[in-house]
Amino acid sequence: MAFTILTGGSFTSTGAGVKIDLPSSADYFKTWNMTQYAAASPSVVVGGEWFGAKFGLGASAVNSGLRWKKSGSSAILIDSFSTSTASDGFTYVNTVPVVEAAVTGTTITQAAGAVFSATNTYSNGDRVRIYNSTGMLQIAGMDFTVSSVSGANFTCLGLDSSGFAAPGTAFTVRRISKLGSVEPRALFITGISKASRAVVTTSTNALLDYVVGQKIHFSIPSGMGMPEMNGLTGTITAMGAYTSNATYNITVDIDSTGFTTFAFPASTATPTSQLFATLAPAGQSTQYDPLTGVQTGYNFTVAPFHTGQFTPYMFLAGGANSPAGANADVINWSAYKFEN
């Protein structure tokens, strides 16, 4: 069967996953990592292929596809993204995601990168909602990004629970859509540093929707320990590079050196203390010189508010061994359809 090119494009990776909206359904999708094709260093993915349902038994599984990986300075190894737990692939979405059935968990560890124990089918990068968290009521109702999966456990590095009084002894979890009905949505805050430029840790991966130069507004309840931050608006000056084992940090131009220490309330605190600390988009600021073509500040090619439920789309996982590449990699991509 012959192919027709549906659409294509190019982007410079931040190391995070990338969502690519498609004008219609796709049967084949291809990526090329132009930066790593030209590099001499091995053990990186230089290309990826996804095959749709029309290929029958040759169709790609969710979060998989073929990967072309350098196994030497000039040698190529072809296998699938699903062969490695540290290598996520392509996820094609052609229906609006729905909230999945609940899963009952047994424990949540006290750790800088809390580990949740529950029989699950999650993948790295999935977004989950935790509730009914016995022993850790502070996080009941919060969303988290799954950072890694191992057996019946999954880790959420967006949560440092090492300072909590006790581990969680039970919880309920549901996998939900990575993207909200409107993006960028408000994010849950799990930590704020005391520094001349405050570093804010969020429970989920902010790199999907927030960018350097964007303004964000803070809502910090008094029970979270840093009330001075409440109501302030700052500009994002840096964002932590996303990998499967990194926290989700946003640096803002707010001096929090003299503020009180951010901390979760006790699990046994009154209901009024169990409000969440959040950040939300607060507009944008940019300057553009039409004579030089130089732009500073917020990237105004990124829509500040947009639907997150557009379908179909292809989600490319980020990382050196994934189709969206590592930070600063230039990725070319094309989507195709069968002609009949």
C-alpha atoms as a PDB file:
ATOM      1  CA  MET A   1       0.000   0.000   0.000  1.00  0.00           C
ATOM      2  CA  ALA A   2       1.212   3.497  -0.796  1.00  0.00           C
ATOM      3  CA  PHE A   3       1.521   6.243   1.812  1.00  0.00           C
ATOM      4  CA  THR A   4       0.541   9.902   1.745  1.00  0.00           C
ATOM      5  CA  ILE A   5       2.364  12.330   4.017  1.00  0.00           C
ATOM      6  CA  LEU A   6      -0.269  13.687   6.386  1.00  0.00           C
ATOM      7  CA  THR A   7       1.831  16.327   8.114  1.00  0.00           C
ATOM      8  CA  GLY A   8       5.295  16.876   9.510  1.00  0.00           C
ATOM      9  CA  GLY A   9       7.469  19.266  11.425  1.00  0.00           C
ATOM     10  CA  SER A  10      10.487  19.823  13.626  1.00  0.00           C
ATOM     11  CA  PHE A  11      11.137  20.888  17.219  1.00  0.00           C
ATOM     12  CA  THR A  12      14.032  21.340  19.625  1.00  0.00           C
ATOM     13  CA  SER A  13      13.637  19.002  22.568  1.00  0.00           C
ATOM     14  CA  THR A  14      13.615  20.116  26.206  1.00  0.00           C
ATOM     15  CA  GLY A  15      13.967  16.496  27.321  1.00  0.00           C
ATOM     16  CA  ALA A  16      10.243  16.367  28.104  1.00  0.00           C
ATOM     17  CA  GLY A  17       7.486  14.511  26.311  1.00  0.00           C
ATOM     18  CA  VAL A  18       5.874  16.284  23.354  1.00  0.00           C
ATOM     19  CA  LYS A  19       2.218  16.201  22.244  1.00  0.00           C
ATOM     20  CA  ILE A  20       1.726  16.586  18.488  1.00  0.00           C
ATOM     21  CA  ASP A  21      -1.798  17.358  17.282  1.00  0.00           C
ATOM     22  CA  LEU A  22      -2.707  15.671  13.989  1.00  0.00           C
ATOM     23  CA  PRO A  23      -5.247  16.956  11.417  1.00  0.00           C
ATOM     24  CA  SER A  24      -6.680  13.441  10.953  1.00  0.00           C
ATOM     25  CA  SER A  25      -5.998   9.839  11.900  1.00  0.00           C
ATOM     26  CA  ALA A  26      -2.538   8.425  11.167  1.00  0.00           C
ATOM     27  CA  ASP A  27      -1.338   4.972  10.082  1.00  0.00           C
ATOM     28  CA  TYR A  28       2.420   5.483  10.395  1.00  0.00           C
ATOM     29  CA  PHE A  29       4.610   7.947  12.306  1.00  0.00           C
ATOM     30  CA  LYS A  30       8.369   8.472  12.044  1.00  0.00           C
ATOM     31  CA  THR A  31      10.902  10.538  14.030  1.00  0.00           C
ATOM     32  CA  TRP A  32      14.525  11.408  13.281  1.00  0.00           C
ATOM     33  CA  ASN A  33      16.900  12.763  15.926  1.00  0.00           C
ATOM     34  CA  MET A  34      18.990  15.005  13.696  1.00  0.00           C
ATOM     35  CA  THR A  35      21.393  15.937  16.504  1.00  0.00           C
ATOM     36  CA  GLN A  36      22.248  12.352  17.439  1.00  0.00           C
ATOM     37  CA  TYR A  37      22.455  11.114  13.835  1.00  0.00           C
ATOM     38  CA  ALA A  38      25.491  13.379  13.450  1.00  0.00           C
ATOM     39  CA  ALA A  39      26.983  12.633  16.885  1.00  0.00           C
ATOM     40  CA  ALA A  40      29.688  10.045  17.427  1.00  0.00           C
ATOM     41  CA  SER A  41      28.560   8.921  20.881  1.00  0.00           C
ATOM     42  CA  PRO A  42      26.705   5.570  20.995  1.00  0.00           C
ATOM     43  CA  SER A  43      23.819   4.333  23.182  1.00  0.00           C
ATOM     44  CA  VAL A  44      21.283   6.955  22.090  1.00  0.00           C
ATOM     45  CA  VAL A  45      18.140   6.669  19.979  1.00  0.00           C
ATOM     46  CA  VAL A  46      18.451   8.286  16.544  1.00  0.00           C
ATOM     47  CA  GLY A  47      15.038   7.388  15.147  1.00  0.00           C
ATOM     48  CA  GLY A  48      11.672   5.860  15.939  1.00  0.00           C
ATOM     49  CA  GLU A  49       8.731   4.311  14.070  1.00  0.00           C
ATOM     50  CA  TRP A  50       5.112   3.787  15.090  1.00  0.00           C
ATOM     51  CA  PHE A  51       2.673   1.531  13.195  1.00  0.00           C
ATOM     52  CA  GLY A  52      -1.102   1.965  13.362  1.00  0.00           C
ATOM     53  CA  ALA A  53      -3.986  -0.498  13.565  1.00  0.00           C
ATOM     54  CA  LYS A  54      -4.066  -1.089   9.787  1.00  0.00           C
ATOM     55  CA  PHE A  55      -0.843  -3.055  10.190  1.00  0.00           C
ATOM     56  CA  GLY A  56      -2.845  -5.692  12.097  1.00  0.00           C
ATOM     57  CA  LEU A  57      -0.548  -7.813  14.247  1.00  0.00           C
ATOM     58  CA  GLY A  58       2.300  -5.484  13.270  1.00  0.00           C
ATOM     59  CA  ALA A  59       0.695  -2.516  15.045  1.00  0.00           C
ATOM     60  CA  SER A  60       2.676  -0.828  17.833  1.00  0.00           C
ATOM     61  CA  ALA A  61       1.673  -1.302  21.453  1.00  0.00           C
ATOM     62  CA  VAL A  62       0.850   1.700  23.628  1.00  0.00           C
ATOM     63  CA  ASN A  63       4.018   3.553  24.712  1.00  0.00           C
ATOM     64  CA  SER A  64       6.164   1.523  22.337  1.00  0.00           C
ATOM     65  CA  GLY A  65       7.177   1.338  18.657  1.00  0.00           C
ATOM     66  CA  LEU A  66      10.483   0.543  16.973  1.00  0.00           C
ATOM     67  CA  ARG A  67      13.583   2.416  18.050  1.00  0.00           C
ATOM     68  CA  TRP A  68      16.746   2.854  16.015  1.00  0.00           C
ATOM     69  CA  LYS A  69      19.572   3.037  18.531  1.00  0.00           C
ATOM     70  CA  LYS A  70      23.293   3.580  18.068  1.00  0.00           C
ATOM     71  CA  SER A  71      25.077   0.560  19.509  1.00  0.00           C
ATOM     72  CA  GLY A  72      28.481   1.854  18.399  1.00  0.00           C
ATOM     73  CA  SER A  73      29.954   4.857  16.637  1.00  0.00           C
ATOM     74  CA  SER A  74      28.350   3.772  13.343  1.00  0.00           C
ATOM     75  CA  ALA A  75      26.345   0.625  14.166  1.00  0.00           C
ATOM     76  CA  ILE A  76      22.546   0.674  14.522  1.00  0.00           C
ATOM     77  CA  LEU A  77      20.491  -1.658  16.725  1.00  0.00           C
ATOM     78  CA  ILE A  78      16.750  -1.899  16.003  1.00  0.00           C
ATOM     79  CA  ASP A  79      14.461  -3.047  18.808  1.00  0.00           C
ATOM     80  CA  SER A  80      11.308  -1.779  20.537  1.00  0.00           C
ATOM     81  CA  PHE A  81      10.899   0.971  23.124  1.00  0.00           C
ATOM     82  CA  SER A  82       9.083  -1.498  25.390  1.00  0.00           C
ATOM     83  CA  THR A  83      12.240  -3.635  25.731  1.00  0.00           C
ATOM     84  CA  SER A  84      13.561  -1.246  28.391  1.00  0.00           C
ATOM     85  CA  THR A  85      11.695   0.188  31.394  1.00  0.00           C
ATOM     86  CA  ALA A  86      13.797   3.347  31.018  1.00  0.00           C
ATOM     87  CA  SER A  87      12.801   3.834  27.376  1.00  0.00           C
ATOM     88  CA  ASP A  88       9.281   5.100  26.650  1.00  0.00           C
ATOM     89  CA  GLY A  89       7.977   5.387  23.093  1.00  0.00           C
ATOM     90  CA  PHE A  90       4.946   6.509  21.087  1.00  0.00           C
ATOM     91  CA  THR A  91       1.385   6.783  22.404  1.00  0.00           C
ATOM     92  CA  TYR A  92      -1.294   7.466  19.789  1.00  0.00           C
ATOM     93  CA  VAL A  93      -4.548   8.918  21.155  1.00  0.00           C
ATOM     94  CA  ASN A  94      -7.655   9.086  18.958  1.00  0.00           C
ATOM     95  CA  THR A  95     -10.352   9.302  21.642  1.00  0.00           C
ATOM     96  CA  VAL A  96     -10.758  11.681  24.569  1.00  0.00           C
ATOM     97  CA  PRO A  97      -9.186   9.906  27.576  1.00  0.00           C
ATOM     98  CA  VAL A  98     -11.490   8.827  30.378  1.00  0.00           C
ATOM     99  CA  VAL A  99     -10.726   8.300  34.035  1.00  0.00           C
ATOM    100  CA  GLU A 100      -9.792   4.673  34.603  1.00  0.00           C
ATOM    101  CA  ALA A 101     -11.095   2.335  37.280  1.00  0.00           C
ATOM    102  CA  ALA A 102      -9.672   2.796  40.766  1.00  0.00           C
ATOM    103  CA  VAL A 103      -6.848   0.656  42.124  1.00  0.00           C
ATOM    104  CA  THR A 104      -6.383   0.033  45.844  1.00  0.00           C
ATOM    105  CA  GLY A 105      -2.892   0.516  47.238  1.00  0.00           C
ATOM    106  CA  THR A 106      -1.329  -0.670  50.477  1.00  0.00           C
ATOM    107  CA  THR A 107       1.595   1.592  51.452  1.00  0.00           C
ATOM    108  CA  ILE A 108       3.292   4.919  50.701  1.00  0.00           C
ATOM    109  CA  THR A 109       6.894   5.277  51.820  1.00  0.00           C
ATOM    110  CA  GLN A 110       8.501   8.223  53.599  1.00  0.00           C
ATOM    111  CA  ALA A 111      11.109   9.116  50.993  1.00  0.00           C
ATOM    112  CA  ALA A 112      12.426  11.864  48.727  1.00  0.00           C
ATOM    113  CA  GLY A 113      10.582  10.244  45.864  1.00  0.00           C
ATOM    114  CA  ALA A 114       7.703   8.454  47.564  1.00  0.00           C
ATOM    115  CA  VAL A 115       7.065   4.854  46.503  1.00  0.00           C
ATOM    116  CA  PHE A 116       3.445   3.717  46.200  1.00  0.00           C
ATOM    117  CA  SER A 117       2.611   0.009  46.427  1.00  0.00           C
ATOM    118  CA  ALA A 118      -0.343  -1.092  44.292  1.00  0.00           C
ATOM    119  CA  THR A 119      -0.866  -3.709  41.598  1.00  0.00           C
ATOM    120  CA  ASN A 120      -0.942  -1.572  38.457  1.00  0.00           C
ATOM    121  CA  THR A 121      -0.371  -1.326  34.698  1.00  0.00           C
ATOM    122  CA  TYR A 122       1.130   2.180  34.774  1.00  0.00           C
ATOM    123  CA  SER A 123       3.971   3.507  32.617  1.00  0.00           C
ATOM    124  CA  ASN A 124       6.588   6.183  33.206  1.00  0.00           C
ATOM    125  CA  GLY A 125       5.041   9.616  32.655  1.00  0.00           C
ATOM    126  CA  ASP A 126       1.460   8.589  33.479  1.00  0.00           C
ATOM    127  CA  ARG A 127      -0.593  11.008  35.559  1.00  0.00           C
ATOM    128  CA  VAL A 128      -2.404   9.515  38.566  1.00  0.00           C
ATOM    129  CA  ARG A 129      -4.714  10.880  41.255  1.00  0.00           C
ATOM    130  CA  ILE A 130      -4.217   9.729  44.856  1.00  0.00           C
ATOM    131  CA  TYR A 131      -7.054   9.798  47.411  1.00  0.00           C
ATOM    132  CA  ASN A 132      -8.249   7.962  50.567  1.00  0.00           C
ATOM    133  CA  SER A 133      -4.612   8.053  51.691  1.00  0.00           C
ATOM    134  CA  THR A 134      -4.722   6.693  55.229  1.00  0.00           C
ATOM    135  CA  GLY A 135      -1.764   7.993  57.227  1.00  0.00           C
ATOM    136  CA  MET A 136      -0.952  10.667  54.644  1.00  0.00           C
ATOM    137  CA  LEU A 137      -4.101  12.754  54.412  1.00  0.00           C
ATOM    138  CA  GLN A 138      -1.927  15.713  53.321  1.00  0.00           C
ATOM    139  CA  ILE A 139      -1.820  14.382  49.747  1.00  0.00           C
ATOM    140  CA  ALA A 140      -5.376  13.049  49.426  1.00  0.00           C
ATOM    141  CA  GLY A 141      -6.784  14.408  46.157  1.00  0.00           C
ATOM    142  CA  MET A 142      -3.447  15.399  44.583  1.00  0.00           C
ATOM    143  CA  ASP A 143      -2.224  14.423  41.112  1.00  0.00           C
ATOM    144  CA  PHE A 144       1.258  12.991  40.540  1.00  0.00           C
ATOM    145  CA  THR A 145       3.430  12.015  37.587  1.00  0.00           C
ATOM    146  CA  VAL A 146       4.632   8.408  37.698  1.00  0.00           C
ATOM    147  CA  SER A 147       8.416   8.680  37.506  1.00  0.00           C
ATOM    148  CA  SER A 148       9.245   4.974  37.391  1.00  0.00           C
ATOM    149  CA  VAL A 149       7.468   1.626  37.691  1.00  0.00           C
ATOM    150  CA  SER A 150       8.904  -1.515  39.257  1.00  0.00           C
ATOM    151  CA  GLY A 151       6.712  -4.562  39.721  1.00  0.00           C
ATOM    152  CA  ALA A 152       3.742  -3.642  41.892  1.00  0.00           C
ATOM    153  CA  ASN A 153       5.339  -0.328  42.921  1.00  0.00           C
ATOM    154  CA  PHE A 154       5.488   3.071  41.267  1.00  0.00           C
ATOM    155  CA  THR A 155       7.574   6.075  42.298  1.00  0.00           C
ATOM    156  CA  CYS A 156       6.485   9.722  42.226  1.00  0.00           C
ATOM    157  CA  LEU A 157       9.577  11.914  42.504  1.00  0.00           C
ATOM    158  CA  GLY A 158       7.382  15.005  42.677  1.00  0.00           C
ATOM    159  CA  LEU A 159       6.608  14.084  46.298  1.00  0.00           C
ATOM    160  CA  ASP A 160       9.227  14.268  49.061  1.00  0.00           C
ATOM    161  CA  SER A 161       7.443  12.621  51.999  1.00  0.00           C
ATOM    162  CA  SER A 162      10.602  12.026  54.034  1.00  0.00           C
ATOM    163  CA  GLY A 163       9.515  14.645  56.583  1.00  0.00           C
ATOM    164  CA  PHE A 164       6.033  13.217  57.111  1.00  0.00           C
ATOM    165  CA  ALA A 165       5.275  11.804  60.567  1.00  0.00           C
ATOM    166  CA  ALA A 166       4.324   8.330  59.325  1.00  0.00           C
ATOM    167  CA  PRO A 167       4.075   6.313  56.119  1.00  0.00           C
ATOM    168  CA  GLY A 168       0.804   5.823  54.306  1.00  0.00           C
ATOM    169  CA  THR A 169      -0.952   2.576  55.152  1.00  0.00           C
ATOM    170  CA  ALA A 170      -3.598   2.554  52.403  1.00  0.00           C
ATOM    171  CA  PHE A 171      -4.700   4.641  49.425  1.00  0.00           C
ATOM    172  CA  THR A 172      -6.757   4.625  46.254  1.00  0.00           C
ATOM    173  CA  VAL A 173      -5.339   5.644  42.864  1.00  0.00           C
ATOM    174  CA  ARG A 174      -6.741   6.277  39.375  1.00  0.00           C
ATOM    175  CA  ARG A 175      -4.850   6.945  36.160  1.00  0.00           C
ATOM    176  CA  ILE A 176      -6.167  10.108  34.511  1.00  0.00           C
ATOM    177  CA  SER A 177      -5.415  12.012  31.324  1.00  0.00           C
ATOM    178  CA  LYS A 178      -1.933  13.574  31.108  1.00  0.00           C
ATOM    179  CA  LEU A 179      -3.672  16.668  29.742  1.00  0.00           C
ATOM    180  CA  GLY A 180      -6.616  18.648  31.097  1.00  0.00           C
ATOM    181  CA  SER A 181      -9.605  20.059  29.246  1.00  0.00           C
ATOM    182  CA  VAL A 182      -7.798  23.426  29.259  1.00  0.00           C
ATOM    183  CA  GLU A 183      -4.019  23.773  29.357  1.00  0.00           C
ATOM    184  CA  PRO A 184      -1.914  24.898  31.099  1.00  0.00           C
ATOM    185  CA  ARG A 185      -3.826  23.886  34.191  1.00  0.00           C
ATOM    186  CA  ALA A 186      -3.015  24.713  37.805  1.00  0.00           C
ATOM    187  CA  LEU A 187      -0.352  22.492  39.367  1.00  0.00           C
ATOM    188  CA  PHE A 188       0.062  21.179  42.910  1.00  0.00           C
ATOM    189  CA  ILE A 189       3.142  22.434  44.765  1.00  0.00           C
ATOM    190  CA  THR A 190       5.084  19.990  46.946  1.00  0.00           C
ATOM    191  CA  GLY A 191       8.072  22.170  47.837  1.00  0.00           C
ATOM    192  CA  ILE A 192       9.486  25.718  47.694  1.00  0.00           C
ATOM    193  CA  SER A 193      13.096  26.550  48.498  1.00  0.00           C
ATOM    194  CA  LYS A 194      14.329  29.574  50.473  1.00  0.00           C
ATOM    195  CA  ALA A 195      16.565  31.315  47.931  1.00  0.00           C
ATOM    196  CA  SER A 196      17.107  34.557  46.052  1.00  0.00           C
ATOM    197  CA  ARG A 197      15.289  32.837  43.191  1.00  0.00           C
ATOM    198  CA  ALA A 198      12.822  30.378  44.657  1.00  0.00           C
ATOM    199  CA  VAL A 199      12.805  26.852  43.267  1.00  0.00           C
ATOM    200  CA  VAL A 200       9.290  25.398  43.227  1.00  0.00           C
ATOM    201  CA  THR A 201       8.707  21.634  43.026  1.00  0.00           C
ATOM    202  CA  THR A 202       5.433  20.435  41.514  1.00  0.00           C
ATOM    203  CA  SER A 203       3.794  17.033  41.855  1.00  0.00           C
ATOM    204  CA  THR A 204       3.479  16.599  38.083  1.00  0.00           C
ATOM    205  CA  ASN A 205       5.656  17.345  35.077  1.00  0.00           C
ATOM    206  CA  ALA A 206       5.239  21.063  34.303  1.00  0.00           C
ATOM    207  CA  LEU A 207       7.367  20.923  31.145  1.00  0.00           C
ATOM    208  CA  LEU A 208       4.364  19.747  29.133  1.00  0.00           C
ATOM    209  CA  ASP A 209       2.754  23.189  29.370  1.00  0.00           C
ATOM    210  CA  TYR A 210       4.881  25.787  31.176  1.00  0.00           C
ATOM    211  CA  VAL A 211       7.845  27.598  29.607  1.00  0.00           C
ATOM    212  CA  VAL A 212      10.595  30.001  30.661  1.00  0.00           C
ATOM    213  CA  GLY A 213       9.292  33.576  30.642  1.00  0.00           C
ATOM    214  CA  GLN A 214       5.746  32.645  31.581  1.00  0.00           C
ATOM    215  CA  LYS A 215       4.172  34.357  34.589  1.00  0.00           C
ATOM    216  CA  ILE A 216       2.640  32.235  37.352  1.00  0.00           C
ATOM    217  CA  HIS A 217       0.506  33.089  40.385  1.00  0.00           C
ATOM    218  CA  PHE A 218       0.842  31.350  43.759  1.00  0.00           C
ATOM    219  CA  SER A 219      -1.887  30.269  46.166  1.00  0.00           C
ATOM    220  CA  ILE A 220      -0.330  29.049  49.420  1.00  0.00           C
ATOM    221  CA  PRO A 221      -2.649  28.236  52.367  1.00  0.00           C
ATOM    222  CA  SER A 222      -1.349  29.175  55.819  1.00  0.00           C
ATOM    223  CA  GLY A 223      -1.122  25.494  56.751  1.00  0.00           C
ATOM    224  CA  MET A 224       1.634  24.941  54.155  1.00  0.00           C
ATOM    225  CA  GLY A 225       4.220  26.927  56.117  1.00  0.00           C
ATOM    226  CA  MET A 226       5.161  29.689  53.642  1.00  0.00           C
ATOM    227  CA  PRO A 227       2.239  32.150  53.728  1.00  0.00           C
ATOM    228  CA  GLU A 228       4.493  34.995  52.453  1.00  0.00           C
ATOM    229  CA  MET A 229       4.343  33.351  49.014  1.00  0.00           C
ATOM    230  CA  ASN A 230       0.553  33.472  48.894  1.00  0.00           C
ATOM    231  CA  GLY A 231      -0.802  35.865  46.252  1.00  0.00           C
ATOM    232  CA  LEU A 232       2.575  36.605  44.652  1.00  0.00           C
ATOM    233  CA  THR A 233       3.143  36.520  40.902  1.00  0.00           C
ATOM    234  CA  GLY A 234       6.532  35.634  39.469  1.00  0.00           C
ATOM    235  CA  THR A 235       8.173  34.911  36.123  1.00  0.00           C
ATOM    236  CA  ILE A 236       9.676  31.514  35.325  1.00  0.00           C
ATOM    237  CA  THR A 237      13.429  31.902  34.818  1.00  0.00           C
ATOM    238  CA  ALA A 238      14.397  28.212  34.529  1.00  0.00           C
ATOM    239  CA  MET A 239      12.851  24.766  34.447  1.00  0.00           C
ATOM    240  CA  GLY A 240      14.436  21.489  35.486  1.00  0.00           C
ATOM    241  CA  ALA A 241      15.259  19.128  32.631  1.00  0.00           C
ATOM    242  CA  TYR A 242      12.866  16.185  32.708  1.00  0.00           C
ATOM    243  CA  THR A 243      14.256  12.656  32.954  1.00  0.00           C
ATOM    244  CA  SER A 244      12.746   9.520  34.388  1.00  0.00           C
ATOM    245  CA  ASN A 245      14.536  10.127  37.704  1.00  0.00           C
ATOM    246  CA  ALA A 246      14.340  13.898  38.181  1.00  0.00           C
ATOM    247  CA  THR A 247      12.141  16.132  40.285  1.00  0.00           C
ATOM    248  CA  TYR A 248       9.953  18.708  38.608  1.00  0.00           C
ATOM    249  CA  ASN A 249      11.439  22.104  39.405  1.00  0.00           C
ATOM    250  CA  ILE A 250      10.467  25.614  38.304  1.00  0.00           C
ATOM    251  CA  THR A 251      12.690  28.573  39.229  1.00  0.00           C
ATOM    252  CA  VAL A 252      10.977  31.950  39.620  1.00  0.00           C
ATOM    253  CA  ASP A 253      12.228  35.516  40.138  1.00  0.00           C
ATOM    254  CA  ILE A 254      10.900  35.728  43.713  1.00  0.00           C
ATOM    255  CA  ASP A 255      13.310  36.116  46.640  1.00  0.00           C
ATOM    256  CA  SER A 256      12.088  33.697  49.321  1.00  0.00           C
ATOM    257  CA  THR A 257      15.243  33.857  51.450  1.00  0.00           C
ATOM    258  CA  GLY A 258      13.507  35.493  54.416  1.00  0.00           C
ATOM    259  CA  PHE A 259      10.270  33.507  54.154  1.00  0.00           C
ATOM    260  CA  THR A 260       9.262  30.820  56.625  1.00  0.00           C
ATOM    261  CA  THR A 261       9.920  27.222  55.604  1.00  0.00           C
ATOM    262  CA  PHE A 262       7.438  25.504  53.291  1.00  0.00           C
ATOM    263  CA  ALA A 263       6.021  22.316  54.819  1.00  0.00           C
ATOM    264  CA  PHE A 264       2.975  20.099  54.562  1.00  0.00           C
ATOM    265  CA  PRO A 265       0.566  20.132  57.518  1.00  0.00           C
ATOM    266  CA  ALA A 266       0.273  17.058  59.719  1.00  0.00           C
ATOM    267  CA  SER A 267      -2.000  14.273  58.556  1.00  0.00           C
ATOM    268  CA  THR A 268      -4.046  14.758  61.730  1.00  0.00           C
ATOM    269  CA  ALA A 269      -4.555  18.503  61.161  1.00  0.00           C
ATOM    270  CA  THR A 270      -8.036  20.011  60.907  1.00  0.00           C
ATOM    271  CA  PRO A 271      -9.771  19.957  57.478  1.00  0.00           C
ATOM    272  CA  THR A 272      -9.134  23.696  57.035  1.00  0.00           C
ATOM    273  CA  SER A 273      -5.387  23.006  57.102  1.00  0.00           C
ATOM    274  CA  GLN A 274      -5.588  20.412  54.339  1.00  0.00           C
ATOM    275  CA  LEU A 275      -5.878  22.896  51.507  1.00  0.00           C
ATOM    276  CA  PHE A 276      -3.369  22.505  48.676  1.00  0.00           C
ATOM    277  CA  ALA A 277      -0.612  24.851  47.582  1.00  0.00           C
ATOM    278  CA  THR A 278      -0.946  25.546  43.855  1.00  0.00           C
ATOM    279  CA  LEU A 279       0.430  27.640  41.019  1.00  0.00           C
ATOM    280  CA  ALA A 280      -1.493  28.789  37.959  1.00  0.00           C
ATOM    281  CA  PRO A 281      -0.689  30.689  34.744  1.00  0.00           C
ATOM    282  CA  ALA A 282      -0.854  34.475  35.077  1.00  0.00           C
ATOM    283  CA  GLY A 283      -0.255  35.692  31.532  1.00  0.00           C
ATOM    284  CA  GLN A 284       2.877  36.281  29.529  1.00  0.00           C
ATOM    285  CA  SER A 285       5.492  38.925  28.826  1.00  0.00           C
ATOM    286  CA  THR A 286       7.734  39.210  25.794  1.00  0.00           C
ATOM    287  CA  GLN A 287       9.652  41.742  23.737  1.00  0.00           C
ATOM    288  CA  TYR A 288      10.210  41.418  19.998  1.00  0.00           C
ATOM    289  CA  ASP A 289      12.560  43.510  17.855  1.00  0.00           C
ATOM    290  CA  PRO A 290      11.151  43.508  14.280  1.00  0.00           C
ATOM    291  CA  LEU A 291      14.447  44.836  12.880  1.00  0.00           C
ATOM    292  CA  THR A 292      16.628  42.038  14.241  1.00  0.00           C
ATOM    293  CA  GLY A 293      13.939  39.383  14.588  1.00  0.00           C
ATOM    294  CA  VAL A 294      15.129  38.714  18.142  1.00  0.00           C
ATOM    295  CA  GLN A 295      12.572  37.763  20.787  1.00  0.00           C
ATOM    296  CA  THR A 296      13.213  37.870  24.513  1.00  0.00           C
ATOM    297  CA  GLY A 297      10.983  36.623  27.292  1.00  0.00           C
ATOM    298  CA  TYR A 298       8.030  34.314  26.865  1.00  0.00           C
ATOM    299  CA  ASN A 299       7.831  32.260  23.667  1.00  0.00           C
ATOM    300  CA  PHE A 300       4.732  33.731  22.071  1.00  0.00           C
ATOM    301  CA  THR A 301       4.473  30.874  19.555  1.00  0.00           C
ATOM    302  CA  VAL A 302       3.161  28.794  22.476  1.00  0.00           C
ATOM    303  CA  ALA A 303      -0.558  29.407  23.058  1.00  0.00           C
ATOM    304  CA  PRO A 304      -1.017  30.496  26.681  1.00  0.00           C
ATOM    305  CA  PHE A 305      -4.394  28.757  27.011  1.00  0.00           C
ATOM    306  CA  HIS A 306      -5.464  25.891  24.755  1.00  0.00           C
ATOM    307  CA  THR A 307      -7.529  22.731  24.743  1.00  0.00           C
ATOM    308  CA  GLY A 308      -5.805  19.637  26.060  1.00  0.00           C
ATOM    309  CA  GLN A 309      -8.448  17.268  24.693  1.00  0.00           C
ATOM    310  CA  PHE A 310      -7.885  17.704  20.938  1.00  0.00           C
ATOM    311  CA  THR A 311      -7.724  14.341  19.161  1.00  0.00           C
ATOM    312  CA  PRO A 312      -6.117  12.645  17.406  1.00  0.00           C
ATOM    313  CA  TYR A 313      -2.598  13.323  18.642  1.00  0.00           C
ATOM    314  CA  MET A 314       0.705  11.525  19.064  1.00  0.00           C
ATOM    315  CA  PHE A 315       2.560  11.722  22.380  1.00  0.00           C
ATOM    316  CA  LEU A 316       6.323  11.323  22.077  1.00  0.00           C
ATOM    317  CA  ALA A 317       8.066  10.386  25.311  1.00  0.00           C
ATOM    318  CA  GLY A 318      11.146  12.433  26.221  1.00  0.00           C
ATOM    319  CA  GLY A 319      14.673  11.291  27.009  1.00  0.00           C
ATOM    320  CA  ALA A 320      17.878  10.201  25.262  1.00  0.00           C
ATOM    321  CA  ASN A 321      16.388   6.780  24.512  1.00  0.00           C
ATOM    322  CA  SER A 322      12.906   7.997  23.563  1.00  0.00           C
ATOM    323  CA  PRO A 323      11.466   9.584  20.396  1.00  0.00           C
ATOM    324  CA  ALA A 324      11.309  13.190  21.713  1.00  0.00           C
ATOM    325  CA  GLY A 325      15.044  13.117  22.511  1.00  0.00           C
ATOM    326  CA  ALA A 326      17.166  14.731  25.205  1.00  0.00           C
ATOM    327  CA  ASN A 327      17.512  18.440  25.946  1.00  0.00           C
ATOM    328  CA  ALA A 328      18.633  20.477  22.864  1.00  0.00           C
ATOM    329  CA  ASP A 329      18.176  17.573  20.405  1.00  0.00           C
ATOM    330  CA  VAL A 330      16.573  18.625  17.108  1.00  0.00           C
ATOM    331  CA  ILE A 331      13.742  16.227  16.221  1.00  0.00           C
ATOM    332  CA  ASN A 332      12.164  15.930  12.771  1.00  0.00           C
ATOM    333  CA  TRP A 333       8.864  14.040  12.489  1.00  0.00           C
ATOM    334  CA  SER A 334       6.338  12.989   9.850  1.00  0.00           C
ATOM    335  CA  ALA A 335       2.869  11.400  10.016  1.00  0.00           C
ATOM    336  CA  TYR A 336       1.491   9.281   7.152  1.00  0.00           C
ATOM    337  CA  LYS A 337      -1.774   7.677   6.006  1.00  0.00           C
ATOM    338  CA  PHE A 338      -2.466   4.766   3.674  1.00  0.00           C
ATOM    339  CA  GLU A 339      -3.859   5.955   0.361  1.00  0.00           C
ATOM    340  CA  ASN A 340      -6.712   3.439   0.545  1.00  0.00           C
END
